[in-house]
Amino acid sequence: ILSVRNGKCKTLRVGLLSTIQNVVEPLVFSLKVSLHENLPNR
């Protein structure tokens, strides 16, 4: 969860499990974002 109000970014680091054999195939990252709100119990 990331707070938009504080304006800070999140840095993620990844590491390789093994050497990459197929350097033609790109590394593809997917980002899914959704709004997060706690609904009140009223």
All heavy atoms as atom14 arrays in JSON, in Angstrom:
{
  "sequence": "ILSVRNGKCKTLRVGLLSTIQNVVEPLVFSLKVSLHENLPNR",
  "atom14_mask": [
    [1, 1, 1, 1, 1, 1, 1, 1, 0, 0, 0, 0, 0, 0],
    [1, 1, 1, 1, 1, 1, 1, 1, 0, 0, 0, 0, 0, 0],
    [1, 1, 1, 1, 1, 1, 0, 0, 0, 0, 0, 0, 0, 0],
    [1, 1, 1, 1, 1, 1, 1, 0, 0, 0, 0, 0, 0, 0],
    [1, 1, 1, 1, 1, 1, 1, 1, 1, 1, 1, 0, 0, 0],
    [1, 1, 1, 1, 1, 1, 1, 1, 0, 0, 0, 0, 0, 0],
    [1, 1, 1, 1, 0, 0, 0, 0, 0, 0, 0, 0, 0, 0],
    [1, 1, 1, 1, 1, 1, 1, 1, 1, 0, 0, 0, 0, 0],
    [1, 1, 1, 1, 1, 1, 0, 0, 0, 0, 0, 0, 0, 0],
    [1, 1, 1, 1, 1, 1, 1, 1, 1, 0, 0, 0, 0, 0],
    [1, 1, 1, 1, 1, 1, 1, 0, 0, 0, 0, 0, 0, 0],
    [1, 1, 1, 1, 1, 1, 1, 1, 0, 0, 0, 0, 0, 0],
    [1, 1, 1, 1, 1, 1, 1, 1, 1, 1, 1, 0, 0, 0],
    [1, 1, 1, 1, 1, 1, 1, 0, 0, 0, 0, 0, 0, 0],
    [1, 1, 1, 1, 0, 0, 0, 0, 0, 0, 0, 0, 0, 0],
    [1, 1, 1, 1, 1, 1, 1, 1, 0, 0, 0, 0, 0, 0],
    [1, 1, 1, 1, 1, 1, 1, 1, 0, 0, 0, 0, 0, 0],
    [1, 1, 1, 1, 1, 1, 0, 0, 0, 0, 0, 0, 0, 0],
    [1, 1, 1, 1, 1, 1, 1, 0, 0, 0, 0, 0, 0, 0],
    [1, 1, 1, 1, 1, 1, 1, 1, 0, 0, 0, 0, 0, 0],
    [1, 1, 1, 1, 1, 1, 1, 1, 1, 0, 0, 0, 0, 0],
    [1, 1, 1, 1, 1, 1, 1, 1, 0, 0, 0, 0, 0, 0],
    [1, 1, 1, 1, 1, 1, 1, 0, 0, 0, 0, 0, 0, 0],
    [1, 1, 1, 1, 1, 1, 1, 0, 0, 0, 0, 0, 0, 0],
    [1, 1, 1, 1, 1, 1, 1, 1, 1, 0, 0, 0, 0, 0],
    [1, 1, 1, 1, 1, 1, 1, 0, 0, 0, 0, 0, 0, 0],
    [1, 1, 1, 1, 1, 1, 1, 1, 0, 0, 0, 0, 0, 0],
    [1, 1, 1, 1, 1, 1, 1, 0, 0, 0, 0, 0, 0, 0],
    [1, 1, 1, 1, 1, 1, 1, 1, 1, 1, 1, 0, 0, 0],
    [1, 1, 1, 1, 1, 1, 0, 0, 0, 0, 0, 0, 0, 0],
    [1, 1, 1, 1, 1, 1, 1, 1, 0, 0, 0, 0, 0, 0],
    [1, 1, 1, 1, 1, 1, 1, 1, 1, 0, 0, 0, 0, 0],
    [1, 1, 1, 1, 1, 1, 1, 0, 0, 0, 0, 0, 0, 0],
    [1, 1, 1, 1, 1, 1, 0, 0, 0, 0, 0, 0, 0, 0],
    [1, 1, 1, 1, 1, 1, 1, 1, 0, 0, 0, 0, 0, 0],
    [1, 1, 1, 1, 1, 1, 1, 1, 1, 1, 0, 0, 0, 0],
    [1, 1, 1, 1, 1, 1, 1, 1, 1, 0, 0, 0, 0, 0],
    [1, 1, 1, 1, 1, 1, 1, 1, 0, 0, 0, 0, 0, 0],
    [1, 1, 1, 1, 1, 1, 1, 1, 0, 0, 0, 0, 0, 0],
    [1, 1, 1, 1, 1, 1, 1, 0, 0, 0, 0, 0, 0, 0],
    [1, 1, 1, 1, 1, 1, 1, 1, 0, 0, 0, 0, 0, 0],
    [1, 1, 1, 1, 1, 1, 1, 1, 1, 1, 1, 0, 0, 0]
  ],
  "atom14_positions": [
    [[0.87, -1.17, 0.0], [0.0, 0.0, 0.0], [0.91, 1.22, 0.0], [1.9, 1.27, 0.73], [-0.93, 0.0, 1.24], [-1.83, -1.23, 1.19], [-1.73, 1.29, 1.3], [-2.66, -1.41, 2.45], [0.0, 0.0, 0.0], [0.0, 0.0, 0.0], [0.0, 0.0, 0.0], [0.0, 0.0, 0.0], [0.0, 0.0, 0.0], [0.0, 0.0, 0.0]],
    [[0.57, 2.21, -0.81], [1.37, 3.42, -0.92], [0.46, 4.61, -0.7], [-0.6, 4.72, -1.31], [2.02, 3.49, -2.31], [2.98, 4.61, -2.58], [4.22, 4.5, -1.69], [3.4, 4.6, -4.04], [0.0, 0.0, 0.0], [0.0, 0.0, 0.0], [0.0, 0.0, 0.0], [0.0, 0.0, 0.0], [0.0, 0.0, 0.0], [0.0, 0.0, 0.0]],
    [[0.87, 5.52, 0.19], [0.08, 6.72, 0.46], [0.42, 7.78, -0.57], [1.57, 8.14, -0.76], [0.38, 7.24, 1.87], [-0.27, 8.48, 2.06], [0.0, 0.0, 0.0], [0.0, 0.0, 0.0], [0.0, 0.0, 0.0], [0.0, 0.0, 0.0], [0.0, 0.0, 0.0], [0.0, 0.0, 0.0], [0.0, 0.0, 0.0], [0.0, 0.0, 0.0]],
    [[-0.61, 8.28, -1.24], [-0.41, 9.32, -2.24], [-0.2, 10.68, -1.57], [0.48, 11.55, -2.09], [-1.62, 9.38, -3.2], [-1.46, 10.45, -4.24], [-1.82, 8.03, -3.86], [0.0, 0.0, 0.0], [0.0, 0.0, 0.0], [0.0, 0.0, 0.0], [0.0, 0.0, 0.0], [0.0, 0.0, 0.0], [0.0, 0.0, 0.0], [0.0, 0.0, 0.0]],
    [[-0.72, 10.85, -0.37], [-0.65, 12.13, 0.33], [0.77, 12.55, 0.67], [1.11, 13.72, 0.62], [-1.48, 12.06, 1.62], [-2.95, 11.97, 1.34], [-3.76, 12.03, 2.61], [-5.08, 11.49, 2.33], [-5.56, 10.4, 2.88], [-4.88, 9.75, 3.78], [-6.76, 9.98, 2.55], [0.0, 0.0, 0.0], [0.0, 0.0, 0.0], [0.0, 0.0, 0.0]],
    [[1.64, 11.59, 1.03], [2.99, 11.99, 1.44], [3.91, 12.24, 0.24], [5.0, 12.79, 0.4], [3.61, 10.97, 2.39], [3.93, 9.64, 1.76], [3.93, 9.49, 0.55], [4.21, 8.65, 2.6], [0.0, 0.0, 0.0], [0.0, 0.0, 0.0], [0.0, 0.0, 0.0], [0.0, 0.0, 0.0], [0.0, 0.0, 0.0], [0.0, 0.0, 0.0]],
    [[3.52, 11.87, -0.96], [4.27, 12.17, -2.17], [5.59, 11.42, -2.32], [6.41, 11.77, -3.15], [0.0, 0.0, 0.0], [0.0, 0.0, 0.0], [0.0, 0.0, 0.0], [0.0, 0.0, 0.0], [0.0, 0.0, 0.0], [0.0, 0.0, 0.0], [0.0, 0.0, 0.0], [0.0, 0.0, 0.0], [0.0, 0.0, 0.0], [0.0, 0.0, 0.0]],
    [[5.81, 10.41, -1.53], [7.05, 9.65, -1.62], [6.89, 8.48, -2.57], [5.83, 7.87, -2.65], [7.47, 9.13, -0.23], [7.9, 10.23, 0.7], [8.43, 9.66, 1.99], [8.9, 10.78, 2.9], [9.39, 10.27, 4.18], [0.0, 0.0, 0.0], [0.0, 0.0, 0.0], [0.0, 0.0, 0.0], [0.0, 0.0, 0.0], [0.0, 0.0, 0.0]],
    [[7.98, 8.17, -3.26], [8.0, 7.03, -4.19], [8.46, 5.78, -3.46], [9.1, 5.85, -2.41], [8.95, 7.31, -5.34], [8.41, 8.65, -6.4], [0.0, 0.0, 0.0], [0.0, 0.0, 0.0], [0.0, 0.0, 0.0], [0.0, 0.0, 0.0], [0.0, 0.0, 0.0], [0.0, 0.0, 0.0], [0.0, 0.0, 0.0], [0.0, 0.0, 0.0]],
    [[8.18, 4.66, -4.03], [8.62, 3.38, -3.5], [9.64, 2.8, -4.48], [9.38, 2.71, -5.68], [7.43, 2.43, -3.37], [7.75, 1.07, -2.84], [7.82, 1.09, -1.34], [7.96, -0.33, -0.83], [8.2, -0.35, 0.58], [0.0, 0.0, 0.0], [0.0, 0.0, 0.0], [0.0, 0.0, 0.0], [0.0, 0.0, 0.0], [0.0, 0.0, 0.0]],
    [[10.82, 2.45, -3.98], [11.86, 1.85, -4.81], [11.92, 0.37, -4.51], [12.03, -0.03, -3.35], [13.23, 2.5, -4.53], [13.13, 3.9, -4.8], [14.31, 1.88, -5.39], [0.0, 0.0, 0.0], [0.0, 0.0, 0.0], [0.0, 0.0, 0.0], [0.0, 0.0, 0.0], [0.0, 0.0, 0.0], [0.0, 0.0, 0.0], [0.0, 0.0, 0.0]],
    [[11.82, -0.44, -5.55], [11.9, -1.89, -5.4], [13.18, -2.38, -6.06], [13.55, -1.91, -7.14], [10.69, -2.56, -6.05], [9.32, -2.17, -5.51], [8.22, -2.82, -6.33], [9.2, -2.57, -4.05], [0.0, 0.0, 0.0], [0.0, 0.0, 0.0], [0.0, 0.0, 0.0], [0.0, 0.0, 0.0], [0.0, 0.0, 0.0], [0.0, 0.0, 0.0]],
    [[13.83, -3.33, -5.43], [15.04, -3.93, -5.99], [14.76, -5.38, -6.32], [14.11, -6.09, -5.55], [16.18, -3.84, -4.99], [16.64, -2.41, -4.76], [17.82, -2.36, -3.85], [18.87, -3.2, -4.41], [20.02, -3.45, -3.83], [20.29, -2.91, -2.67], [20.91, -4.23, -4.39], [0.0, 0.0, 0.0], [0.0, 0.0, 0.0], [0.0, 0.0, 0.0]],
    [[15.24, -5.81, -7.49], [15.1, -7.21, -7.88], [16.48, -7.8, -8.11], [17.44, -7.1, -8.37], [14.25, -7.36, -9.18], [12.83, -6.96, -8.96], [14.86, -6.61, -10.33], [0.0, 0.0, 0.0], [0.0, 0.0, 0.0], [0.0, 0.0, 0.0], [0.0, 0.0, 0.0], [0.0, 0.0, 0.0], [0.0, 0.0, 0.0], [0.0, 0.0, 0.0]],
    [[16.56, -9.1, -7.96], [17.8, -9.82, -8.19], [17.57, -11.01, -9.1], [16.47, -11.56, -9.17], [0.0, 0.0, 0.0], [0.0, 0.0, 0.0], [0.0, 0.0, 0.0], [0.0, 0.0, 0.0], [0.0, 0.0, 0.0], [0.0, 0.0, 0.0], [0.0, 0.0, 0.0], [0.0, 0.0, 0.0], [0.0, 0.0, 0.0], [0.0, 0.0, 0.0]],
    [[18.61, -11.39, -9.83], [18.54, -12.54, -10.73], [18.69, -13.83, -9.95], [19.54, -13.93, -9.07], [19.65, -12.46, -11.78], [19.51, -11.43, -12.87], [20.79, -11.36, -13.69], [18.34, -11.77, -13.77], [0.0, 0.0, 0.0], [0.0, 0.0, 0.0], [0.0, 0.0, 0.0], [0.0, 0.0, 0.0], [0.0, 0.0, 0.0], [0.0, 0.0, 0.0]],
    [[17.9, -14.83, -10.28], [18.03, -16.15, -9.68], [19.15, -16.94, -10.33], [19.81, -17.75, -9.7], [16.73, -16.94, -9.79], [15.59, -16.4, -8.94], [14.31, -17.16, -9.24], [15.92, -16.52, -7.48], [0.0, 0.0, 0.0], [0.0, 0.0, 0.0], [0.0, 0.0, 0.0], [0.0, 0.0, 0.0], [0.0, 0.0, 0.0], [0.0, 0.0, 0.0]],
    [[19.34, -16.73, -11.64], [20.4, -17.39, -12.39], [20.75, -16.51, -13.58], [20.05, -15.53, -13.86], [19.96, -18.78, -12.86], [18.83, -18.66, -13.7], [0.0, 0.0, 0.0], [0.0, 0.0, 0.0], [0.0, 0.0, 0.0], [0.0, 0.0, 0.0], [0.0, 0.0, 0.0], [0.0, 0.0, 0.0], [0.0, 0.0, 0.0], [0.0, 0.0, 0.0]],
    [[21.81, -16.85, -14.28], [22.17, -16.04, -15.43], [21.1, -16.14, -16.5], [20.45, -17.18, -16.65], [23.52, -16.49, -16.02], [23.42, -17.87, -16.38], [24.65, -16.29, -15.05], [0.0, 0.0, 0.0], [0.0, 0.0, 0.0], [0.0, 0.0, 0.0], [0.0, 0.0, 0.0], [0.0, 0.0, 0.0], [0.0, 0.0, 0.0], [0.0, 0.0, 0.0]],
    [[20.91, -15.08, -17.23], [19.9, -15.03, -18.28], [20.49, -15.66, -19.53], [21.5, -15.2, -20.04], [19.44, -13.59, -18.52], [18.73, -13.08, -17.27], [18.54, -13.5, -19.74], [18.28, -11.65, -17.35], [0.0, 0.0, 0.0], [0.0, 0.0, 0.0], [0.0, 0.0, 0.0], [0.0, 0.0, 0.0], [0.0, 0.0, 0.0], [0.0, 0.0, 0.0]],
    [[19.85, -16.72, -20.0], [20.32, -17.43, -21.19], [19.83, -16.78, -22.47], [20.55, -16.67, -23.44], [19.85, -18.9, -21.16], [20.36, -19.66, -19.95], [21.85, -19.79, -19.91], [22.48, -19.99, -20.94], [22.45, -19.66, -18.74], [0.0, 0.0, 0.0], [0.0, 0.0, 0.0], [0.0, 0.0, 0.0], [0.0, 0.0, 0.0], [0.0, 0.0, 0.0]],
    [[18.57, -16.37, -22.49], [17.98, -15.8, -23.69], [17.94, -14.28, -23.55], [17.0, -13.72, -23.0], [16.56, -16.35, -23.9], [15.94, -15.86, -25.19], [16.52, -15.07, -25.92], [14.74, -16.34, -25.47], [0.0, 0.0, 0.0], [0.0, 0.0, 0.0], [0.0, 0.0, 0.0], [0.0, 0.0, 0.0], [0.0, 0.0, 0.0], [0.0, 0.0, 0.0]],
    [[18.97, -13.61, -24.07], [19.04, -12.16, -23.93], [18.17, -11.45, -24.95], [18.05, -10.23, -24.91], [20.5, -11.65, -24.01], [21.33, -12.17, -22.88], [21.12, -11.98, -25.35], [0.0, 0.0, 0.0], [0.0, 0.0, 0.0], [0.0, 0.0, 0.0], [0.0, 0.0, 0.0], [0.0, 0.0, 0.0], [0.0, 0.0, 0.0], [0.0, 0.0, 0.0]],
    [[17.55, -12.17, -25.85], [16.65, -11.56, -26.81], [15.29, -11.28, -26.16], [14.65, -10.29, -26.44], [16.5, -12.44, -28.06], [15.48, -11.88, -29.02], [17.84, -12.59, -28.75], [0.0, 0.0, 0.0], [0.0, 0.0, 0.0], [0.0, 0.0, 0.0], [0.0, 0.0, 0.0], [0.0, 0.0, 0.0], [0.0, 0.0, 0.0], [0.0, 0.0, 0.0]],
    [[14.86, -12.17, -25.29], [13.58, -12.01, -24.61], [13.7, -10.93, -23.55], [14.55, -11.01, -22.67], [13.16, -13.34, -23.97], [11.85, -13.28, -23.23], [11.55, -14.58, -22.51], [12.25, -15.58, -22.73], [10.62, -14.58, -21.7], [0.0, 0.0, 0.0], [0.0, 0.0, 0.0], [0.0, 0.0, 0.0], [0.0, 0.0, 0.0], [0.0, 0.0, 0.0]],
    [[12.85, -9.89, -23.6], [12.95, -8.83, -22.6], [12.43, -9.29, -21.24], [11.67, -10.26, -21.14], [12.07, -7.71, -23.17], [11.06, -8.43, -24.0], [11.78, -9.64, -24.57], [0.0, 0.0, 0.0], [0.0, 0.0, 0.0], [0.0, 0.0, 0.0], [0.0, 0.0, 0.0], [0.0, 0.0, 0.0], [0.0, 0.0, 0.0], [0.0, 0.0, 0.0]],
    [[12.83, -8.57, -20.19], [12.26, -8.77, -18.86], [11.03, -7.88, -18.79], [11.12, -6.67, -19.01], [13.26, -8.38, -17.78], [14.56, -9.17, -17.77], [15.54, -8.57, -16.77], [14.31, -10.62, -17.43], [0.0, 0.0, 0.0], [0.0, 0.0, 0.0], [0.0, 0.0, 0.0], [0.0, 0.0, 0.0], [0.0, 0.0, 0.0], [0.0, 0.0, 0.0]],
    [[9.86, -8.46, -18.51], [8.62, -7.71, -18.53], [8.08, -7.6, -17.1], [7.95, -8.6, -16.4], [7.57, -8.38, -19.44], [6.27, -7.58, -19.45], [8.11, -8.52, -20.86], [0.0, 0.0, 0.0], [0.0, 0.0, 0.0], [0.0, 0.0, 0.0], [0.0, 0.0, 0.0], [0.0, 0.0, 0.0], [0.0, 0.0, 0.0], [0.0, 0.0, 0.0]],
    [[7.8, -6.37, -16.69], [7.23, -6.09, -15.38], [5.8, -5.61, -15.58], [5.5, -4.87, -16.51], [8.02, -4.99, -14.66], [9.39, -5.41, -14.22], [10.45, -5.4, -15.11], [9.61, -5.83, -12.93], [11.71, -5.79, -14.72], [10.86, -6.23, -12.53], [11.92, -6.21, -13.42], [0.0, 0.0, 0.0], [0.0, 0.0, 0.0], [0.0, 0.0, 0.0]],
    [[4.9, -6.03, -14.69], [3.5, -5.62, -14.74], [3.16, -4.91, -13.44], [3.51, -5.38, -12.35], [2.6, -6.84, -14.92], [1.24, -6.45, -14.86], [0.0, 0.0, 0.0], [0.0, 0.0, 0.0], [0.0, 0.0, 0.0], [0.0, 0.0, 0.0], [0.0, 0.0, 0.0], [0.0, 0.0, 0.0], [0.0, 0.0, 0.0], [0.0, 0.0, 0.0]],
    [[2.47, -3.77, -13.54], [2.05, -2.99, -12.38], [0.54, -2.88, -12.38], [-0.05, -2.41, -13.36], [2.67, -1.59, -12.42], [2.16, -0.58, -11.39], [2.52, -1.02, -9.97], [2.71, 0.81, -11.69], [0.0, 0.0, 0.0], [0.0, 0.0, 0.0], [0.0, 0.0, 0.0], [0.0, 0.0, 0.0], [0.0, 0.0, 0.0], [0.0, 0.0, 0.0]],
    [[-0.1, -3.33, -11.29], [-1.55, -3.19, -11.11], [-1.77, -2.26, -9.93], [-1.16, -2.44, -8.87], [-2.2, -4.55, -10.83], [-2.16, -5.5, -11.98], [-2.83, -6.81, -11.63], [-2.66, -7.81, -12.76], [-3.23, -9.11, -12.42], [0.0, 0.0, 0.0], [0.0, 0.0, 0.0], [0.0, 0.0, 0.0], [0.0, 0.0, 0.0], [0.0, 0.0, 0.0]],
    [[-2.62, -1.27, -10.13], [-2.88, -0.27, -9.09], [-4.38, -0.2, -8.86], [-5.17, -0.21, -9.81], [-2.34, 1.12, -9.52], [-2.64, 2.16, -8.47], [-0.86, 1.06, -9.8], [0.0, 0.0, 0.0], [0.0, 0.0, 0.0], [0.0, 0.0, 0.0], [0.0, 0.0, 0.0], [0.0, 0.0, 0.0], [0.0, 0.0, 0.0], [0.0, 0.0, 0.0]],
    [[-4.78, -0.09, -7.6], [-6.19, 0.13, -7.26], [-6.26, 1.06, -6.06], [-5.3, 1.18, -5.29], [-6.89, -1.2, -6.96], [-6.3, -1.81, -5.84], [0.0, 0.0, 0.0], [0.0, 0.0, 0.0], [0.0, 0.0, 0.0], [0.0, 0.0, 0.0], [0.0, 0.0, 0.0], [0.0, 0.0, 0.0], [0.0, 0.0, 0.0], [0.0, 0.0, 0.0]],
    [[-7.39, 1.73, -5.92], [-7.57, 2.65, -4.8], [-7.8, 1.86, -3.53], [-8.45, 0.82, -3.52], [-8.75, 3.58, -5.06], [-8.6, 4.5, -6.27], [-9.88, 5.26, -6.51], [-7.44, 5.46, -6.05], [0.0, 0.0, 0.0], [0.0, 0.0, 0.0], [0.0, 0.0, 0.0], [0.0, 0.0, 0.0], [0.0, 0.0, 0.0], [0.0, 0.0, 0.0]],
    [[-7.27, 2.38, -2.43], [-7.41, 1.7, -1.14], [-8.1, 2.65, -0.17], [-7.6, 3.72, 0.12], [-6.04, 1.32, -0.59], [-6.09, 0.77, 0.8], [-6.55, -0.49, 1.06], [-5.74, 1.3, 1.99], [-6.48, -0.71, 2.36], [-6.0, 0.37, 2.94], [0.0, 0.0, 0.0], [0.0, 0.0, 0.0], [0.0, 0.0, 0.0], [0.0, 0.0, 0.0]],
    [[-9.3, 2.32, 0.28], [-10.02, 3.11, 1.27], [-10.67, 2.13, 2.24], [-11.23, 1.13, 1.85], [-11.12, 3.96, 0.61], [-10.6, 5.1, -0.23], [-10.03, 6.24, 0.6], [-10.29, 6.3, 1.8], [-9.32, 7.08, 0.01], [0.0, 0.0, 0.0], [0.0, 0.0, 0.0], [0.0, 0.0, 0.0], [0.0, 0.0, 0.0], [0.0, 0.0, 0.0]],
    [[-10.6, 2.47, 3.5], [-11.31, 1.69, 4.51], [-12.73, 2.22, 4.6], [-12.95, 3.38, 4.94], [-10.63, 1.82, 5.88], [-9.3, 1.12, 5.9], [-9.11, 0.14, 5.2], [-8.37, 1.64, 6.68], [0.0, 0.0, 0.0], [0.0, 0.0, 0.0], [0.0, 0.0, 0.0], [0.0, 0.0, 0.0], [0.0, 0.0, 0.0], [0.0, 0.0, 0.0]],
    [[-13.71, 1.41, 4.24], [-15.11, 1.83, 4.31], [-15.56, 1.9, 5.76], [-15.3, 0.98, 6.54], [-15.99, 0.85, 3.53], [-15.79, 0.83, 2.02], [-16.61, -0.3, 1.4], [-16.16, 2.16, 1.41], [0.0, 0.0, 0.0], [0.0, 0.0, 0.0], [0.0, 0.0, 0.0], [0.0, 0.0, 0.0], [0.0, 0.0, 0.0], [0.0, 0.0, 0.0]],
    [[-16.23, 3.01, 6.14], [-16.71, 3.12, 7.54], [-17.88, 2.17, 7.79], [-18.59, 1.79, 6.86], [-17.14, 4.58, 7.65], [-17.4, 5.03, 6.25], [-16.54, 4.19, 5.36], [0.0, 0.0, 0.0], [0.0, 0.0, 0.0], [0.0, 0.0, 0.0], [0.0, 0.0, 0.0], [0.0, 0.0, 0.0], [0.0, 0.0, 0.0], [0.0, 0.0, 0.0]],
    [[-18.05, 1.83, 9.04], [-19.15, 0.94, 9.44], [-20.33, 1.78, 9.91], [-20.63, 1.85, 11.11], [-18.7, -0.02, 10.54], [-17.69, -1.01, 10.04], [-17.74, -1.38, 8.88], [-16.79, -1.44, 10.9], [0.0, 0.0, 0.0], [0.0, 0.0, 0.0], [0.0, 0.0, 0.0], [0.0, 0.0, 0.0], [0.0, 0.0, 0.0], [0.0, 0.0, 0.0]],
    [[-20.98, 2.47, 9.03], [-22.16, 3.27, 9.39], [-23.38, 2.74, 8.66], [-23.26, 2.01, 7.68], [-21.95, 4.74, 9.0], [-20.92, 5.42, 9.87], [-21.05, 6.91, 9.67], [-19.7, 7.46, 9.5], [-19.45, 8.59, 8.94], [-20.4, 9.32, 8.43], [-18.22, 9.03, 8.84], [0.0, 0.0, 0.0], [0.0, 0.0, 0.0], [0.0, 0.0, 0.0]]
  ]
}
